[in-house]
Amino acid sequence: MKADYDFSNAKRGAVVPQPGKTRITIYLDDSVIEEFRARAEFAGKGYQTMINDALKEYLAKDTDTLEEMLRKVIREELGRAA
């Protein structure tokens, strides 16, 4: 190790930029973070990676079409009225 290092031309920021990723600030409930951290520790991976994977999985789910959603609501309402 050197005795002195020259940081006069240093820049702040990530050491290795991640292509295809954007750094953001987001507020999540403490309980959500604690659960992801616990699961990540058990799985041996990062909790932020697990949150990203969970969001991708949610977005990839087939969403109901408007017709399917209306049918579902009508069935629920007819069931309550009967």
N, C-alpha and C. Protein backbone atom coordinates (compact mmCIF):
# COMPACT_ATOMS: atom_id res chain seq x y z
N MET A 1 0.83 -1.18 0.00
CA MET A 1 0.00 0.00 0.00
C MET A 1 0.88 1.24 0.00
N LYS A 2 0.46 2.25 -0.75
CA LYS A 2 1.19 3.51 -0.77
C LYS A 2 0.92 4.29 0.51
N ALA A 3 1.83 5.17 0.82
CA ALA A 3 1.63 6.04 1.98
C ALA A 3 0.61 7.12 1.66
N ASP A 4 0.63 7.63 0.42
CA ASP A 4 -0.30 8.68 0.02
C ASP A 4 -0.93 8.32 -1.32
N TYR A 5 -2.17 8.73 -1.50
CA TYR A 5 -2.87 8.54 -2.75
C TYR A 5 -3.35 9.89 -3.25
N ASP A 6 -3.35 10.10 -4.56
CA ASP A 6 -3.78 11.35 -5.16
C ASP A 6 -5.22 11.22 -5.66
N PHE A 7 -6.14 11.87 -4.97
CA PHE A 7 -7.55 11.83 -5.34
C PHE A 7 -8.00 13.15 -5.97
N SER A 8 -7.07 13.96 -6.43
CA SER A 8 -7.41 15.29 -6.96
C SER A 8 -8.27 15.20 -8.22
N ASN A 9 -8.15 14.14 -8.99
CA ASN A 9 -8.95 13.97 -10.21
C ASN A 9 -10.07 12.95 -10.04
N ALA A 10 -10.33 12.58 -8.81
CA ALA A 10 -11.35 11.56 -8.55
C ALA A 10 -12.75 12.12 -8.76
N LYS A 11 -13.67 11.25 -9.11
CA LYS A 11 -15.06 11.63 -9.29
C LYS A 11 -15.91 10.78 -8.36
N ARG A 12 -16.98 11.37 -7.84
CA ARG A 12 -17.91 10.64 -6.99
C ARG A 12 -18.85 9.82 -7.87
N GLY A 13 -19.31 8.74 -7.33
CA GLY A 13 -20.29 7.93 -8.06
C GLY A 13 -19.92 6.47 -8.01
N ALA A 14 -20.72 5.68 -8.69
CA ALA A 14 -20.50 4.24 -8.72
C ALA A 14 -19.15 3.93 -9.36
N VAL A 15 -18.47 2.97 -8.80
CA VAL A 15 -17.17 2.58 -9.34
C VAL A 15 -17.36 1.94 -10.70
N VAL A 16 -18.31 1.05 -10.80
CA VAL A 16 -18.58 0.37 -12.07
C VAL A 16 -20.04 0.65 -12.42
N PRO A 17 -20.27 1.47 -13.46
CA PRO A 17 -21.66 1.72 -13.84
C PRO A 17 -22.35 0.44 -14.30
N GLN A 18 -23.62 0.30 -13.98
CA GLN A 18 -24.39 -0.88 -14.35
C GLN A 18 -25.23 -0.56 -15.59
N PRO A 19 -24.86 -1.07 -16.76
CA PRO A 19 -25.67 -0.81 -17.95
C PRO A 19 -27.08 -1.38 -17.79
N GLY A 20 -28.06 -0.60 -18.20
CA GLY A 20 -29.44 -1.07 -18.12
C GLY A 20 -30.07 -0.91 -16.75
N LYS A 21 -29.38 -0.24 -15.85
CA LYS A 21 -29.91 -0.03 -14.50
C LYS A 21 -29.83 1.45 -14.17
N THR A 22 -30.77 1.92 -13.37
CA THR A 22 -30.81 3.32 -12.95
C THR A 22 -30.92 3.37 -11.44
N ARG A 23 -30.08 4.19 -10.84
CA ARG A 23 -30.12 4.36 -9.39
C ARG A 23 -31.26 5.31 -9.04
N ILE A 24 -32.13 4.91 -8.11
CA ILE A 24 -33.24 5.75 -7.67
C ILE A 24 -33.31 5.73 -6.16
N THR A 25 -34.08 6.65 -5.62
CA THR A 25 -34.41 6.63 -4.20
C THR A 25 -35.89 6.31 -4.10
N ILE A 26 -36.22 5.36 -3.24
CA ILE A 26 -37.61 4.93 -3.09
C ILE A 26 -37.88 4.67 -1.62
N TYR A 27 -39.05 5.02 -1.17
CA TYR A 27 -39.44 4.77 0.21
C TYR A 27 -40.33 3.52 0.25
N LEU A 28 -39.91 2.54 1.04
CA LEU A 28 -40.67 1.32 1.24
C LEU A 28 -40.90 1.14 2.73
N ASP A 29 -41.95 0.43 3.07
CA ASP A 29 -42.22 0.15 4.48
C ASP A 29 -41.07 -0.64 5.09
N ASP A 30 -40.78 -0.34 6.35
CA ASP A 30 -39.71 -1.06 7.06
C ASP A 30 -39.95 -2.56 7.04
N SER A 31 -41.21 -2.96 7.19
CA SER A 31 -41.52 -4.39 7.23
C SER A 31 -41.21 -5.07 5.89
N VAL A 32 -41.40 -4.34 4.80
CA VAL A 32 -41.11 -4.89 3.47
C VAL A 32 -39.61 -5.11 3.33
N ILE A 33 -38.83 -4.09 3.71
CA ILE A 33 -37.37 -4.19 3.62
C ILE A 33 -36.85 -5.31 4.51
N GLU A 34 -37.36 -5.39 5.73
CA GLU A 34 -36.91 -6.44 6.66
C GLU A 34 -37.19 -7.83 6.09
N GLU A 35 -38.36 -8.01 5.49
CA GLU A 35 -38.72 -9.31 4.92
C GLU A 35 -37.82 -9.66 3.74
N PHE A 36 -37.57 -8.70 2.87
CA PHE A 36 -36.70 -8.96 1.73
C PHE A 36 -35.27 -9.24 2.20
N ARG A 37 -34.80 -8.51 3.21
CA ARG A 37 -33.45 -8.77 3.72
C ARG A 37 -33.34 -10.17 4.31
N ALA A 38 -34.36 -10.59 5.05
CA ALA A 38 -34.35 -11.93 5.65
C ALA A 38 -34.36 -13.00 4.56
N ARG A 39 -35.22 -12.82 3.57
CA ARG A 39 -35.30 -13.80 2.48
C ARG A 39 -34.02 -13.82 1.67
N ALA A 40 -33.43 -12.65 1.46
CA ALA A 40 -32.20 -12.56 0.68
C ALA A 40 -31.05 -13.25 1.41
N GLU A 41 -30.99 -13.06 2.71
CA GLU A 41 -29.94 -13.71 3.50
C GLU A 41 -30.08 -15.23 3.41
N PHE A 42 -31.31 -15.72 3.50
CA PHE A 42 -31.56 -17.15 3.41
C PHE A 42 -31.20 -17.68 2.02
N ALA A 43 -31.50 -16.88 0.97
CA ALA A 43 -31.24 -17.31 -0.41
C ALA A 43 -29.79 -17.05 -0.83
N GLY A 44 -29.08 -16.24 -0.06
CA GLY A 44 -27.69 -15.96 -0.39
C GLY A 44 -27.53 -14.99 -1.55
N LYS A 45 -28.47 -14.03 -1.65
CA LYS A 45 -28.35 -13.01 -2.68
C LYS A 45 -28.74 -11.67 -2.10
N GLY A 46 -28.57 -10.60 -2.86
CA GLY A 46 -28.86 -9.26 -2.37
C GLY A 46 -30.35 -8.98 -2.30
N TYR A 47 -30.73 -8.21 -1.28
CA TYR A 47 -32.16 -7.92 -1.12
C TYR A 47 -32.67 -6.99 -2.22
N GLN A 48 -31.82 -6.08 -2.72
CA GLN A 48 -32.25 -5.21 -3.80
C GLN A 48 -32.48 -6.01 -5.09
N THR A 49 -31.66 -7.01 -5.30
CA THR A 49 -31.85 -7.90 -6.46
C THR A 49 -33.17 -8.63 -6.33
N MET A 50 -33.50 -9.07 -5.12
CA MET A 50 -34.77 -9.78 -4.91
C MET A 50 -35.96 -8.85 -5.12
N ILE A 51 -35.86 -7.60 -4.68
CA ILE A 51 -36.94 -6.64 -4.90
C ILE A 51 -37.11 -6.42 -6.40
N ASN A 52 -36.01 -6.25 -7.12
CA ASN A 52 -36.06 -6.07 -8.57
C ASN A 52 -36.71 -7.27 -9.25
N ASP A 53 -36.33 -8.47 -8.83
CA ASP A 53 -36.90 -9.70 -9.41
C ASP A 53 -38.40 -9.78 -9.13
N ALA A 54 -38.82 -9.40 -7.91
CA ALA A 54 -40.23 -9.44 -7.55
C ALA A 54 -41.03 -8.44 -8.40
N LEU A 55 -40.46 -7.26 -8.62
CA LEU A 55 -41.15 -6.27 -9.45
C LEU A 55 -41.26 -6.74 -10.90
N LYS A 56 -40.20 -7.33 -11.42
CA LYS A 56 -40.24 -7.85 -12.80
C LYS A 56 -41.28 -8.96 -12.92
N GLU A 57 -41.33 -9.84 -11.92
CA GLU A 57 -42.30 -10.94 -11.95
C GLU A 57 -43.73 -10.38 -11.93
N TYR A 58 -43.96 -9.37 -11.10
CA TYR A 58 -45.28 -8.76 -11.02
C TYR A 58 -45.67 -8.15 -12.37
N LEU A 59 -44.74 -7.44 -12.98
CA LEU A 59 -45.03 -6.79 -14.26
C LEU A 59 -45.23 -7.79 -15.40
N ALA A 60 -44.63 -8.96 -15.28
CA ALA A 60 -44.74 -9.97 -16.33
C ALA A 60 -46.04 -10.76 -16.26
N LYS A 61 -46.75 -10.68 -15.14
CA LYS A 61 -48.00 -11.41 -15.00
C LYS A 61 -48.99 -10.94 -16.06
N ASP A 62 -49.77 -11.90 -16.54
CA ASP A 62 -50.83 -11.54 -17.48
C ASP A 62 -51.89 -10.75 -16.73
N THR A 63 -52.16 -9.56 -17.19
CA THR A 63 -53.20 -8.76 -16.56
C THR A 63 -54.52 -9.06 -17.22
N ASP A 64 -55.57 -8.93 -16.46
CA ASP A 64 -56.91 -9.17 -17.00
C ASP A 64 -57.23 -8.14 -18.08
N THR A 65 -57.92 -8.59 -19.09
CA THR A 65 -58.42 -7.64 -20.07
C THR A 65 -59.59 -6.90 -19.43
N LEU A 66 -59.99 -5.81 -20.02
CA LEU A 66 -61.11 -5.04 -19.49
C LEU A 66 -62.36 -5.91 -19.41
N GLU A 67 -62.58 -6.73 -20.43
CA GLU A 67 -63.76 -7.60 -20.44
C GLU A 67 -63.72 -8.59 -19.27
N GLU A 68 -62.56 -9.21 -19.05
CA GLU A 68 -62.44 -10.17 -17.95
C GLU A 68 -62.65 -9.49 -16.61
N MET A 69 -62.12 -8.28 -16.47
CA MET A 69 -62.28 -7.56 -15.22
C MET A 69 -63.74 -7.20 -14.97
N LEU A 70 -64.44 -6.75 -16.01
CA LEU A 70 -65.86 -6.42 -15.87
C LEU A 70 -66.68 -7.64 -15.52
N ARG A 71 -66.38 -8.77 -16.16
CA ARG A 71 -67.11 -10.00 -15.86
C ARG A 71 -66.92 -10.40 -14.39
N LYS A 72 -65.70 -10.26 -13.91
CA LYS A 72 -65.39 -10.61 -12.53
C LYS A 72 -66.17 -9.72 -11.56
N VAL A 73 -66.19 -8.42 -11.83
CA VAL A 73 -66.91 -7.48 -10.97
C VAL A 73 -68.41 -7.76 -11.00
N ILE A 74 -68.96 -8.00 -12.19
CA ILE A 74 -70.40 -8.28 -12.32
C ILE A 74 -70.76 -9.54 -11.55
N ARG A 75 -69.94 -10.59 -11.68
CA ARG A 75 -70.21 -11.84 -10.94
C ARG A 75 -70.21 -11.59 -9.44
N GLU A 76 -69.23 -10.83 -8.96
CA GLU A 76 -69.15 -10.53 -7.52
C GLU A 76 -70.41 -9.76 -7.07
N GLU A 77 -70.79 -8.77 -7.85
CA GLU A 77 -71.95 -7.96 -7.48
C GLU A 77 -73.25 -8.76 -7.53
N LEU A 78 -73.39 -9.63 -8.55
CA LEU A 78 -74.58 -10.47 -8.63
C LEU A 78 -74.63 -11.44 -7.45
N GLY A 79 -73.47 -11.94 -7.05
CA GLY A 79 -73.41 -12.85 -5.91
C GLY A 79 -73.83 -12.16 -4.61
N ARG A 80 -73.45 -10.90 -4.46
CA ARG A 80 -73.83 -10.15 -3.25
C ARG A 80 -75.33 -9.84 -3.26
N ALA A 81 -75.88 -9.59 -4.44
CA ALA A 81 -77.30 -9.22 -4.56
C ALA A 81 -78.21 -10.43 -4.37
N ALA A 82 -77.72 -11.62 -4.60
CA ALA A 82 -78.57 -12.82 -4.52
C ALA A 82 -78.85 -13.23 -3.11
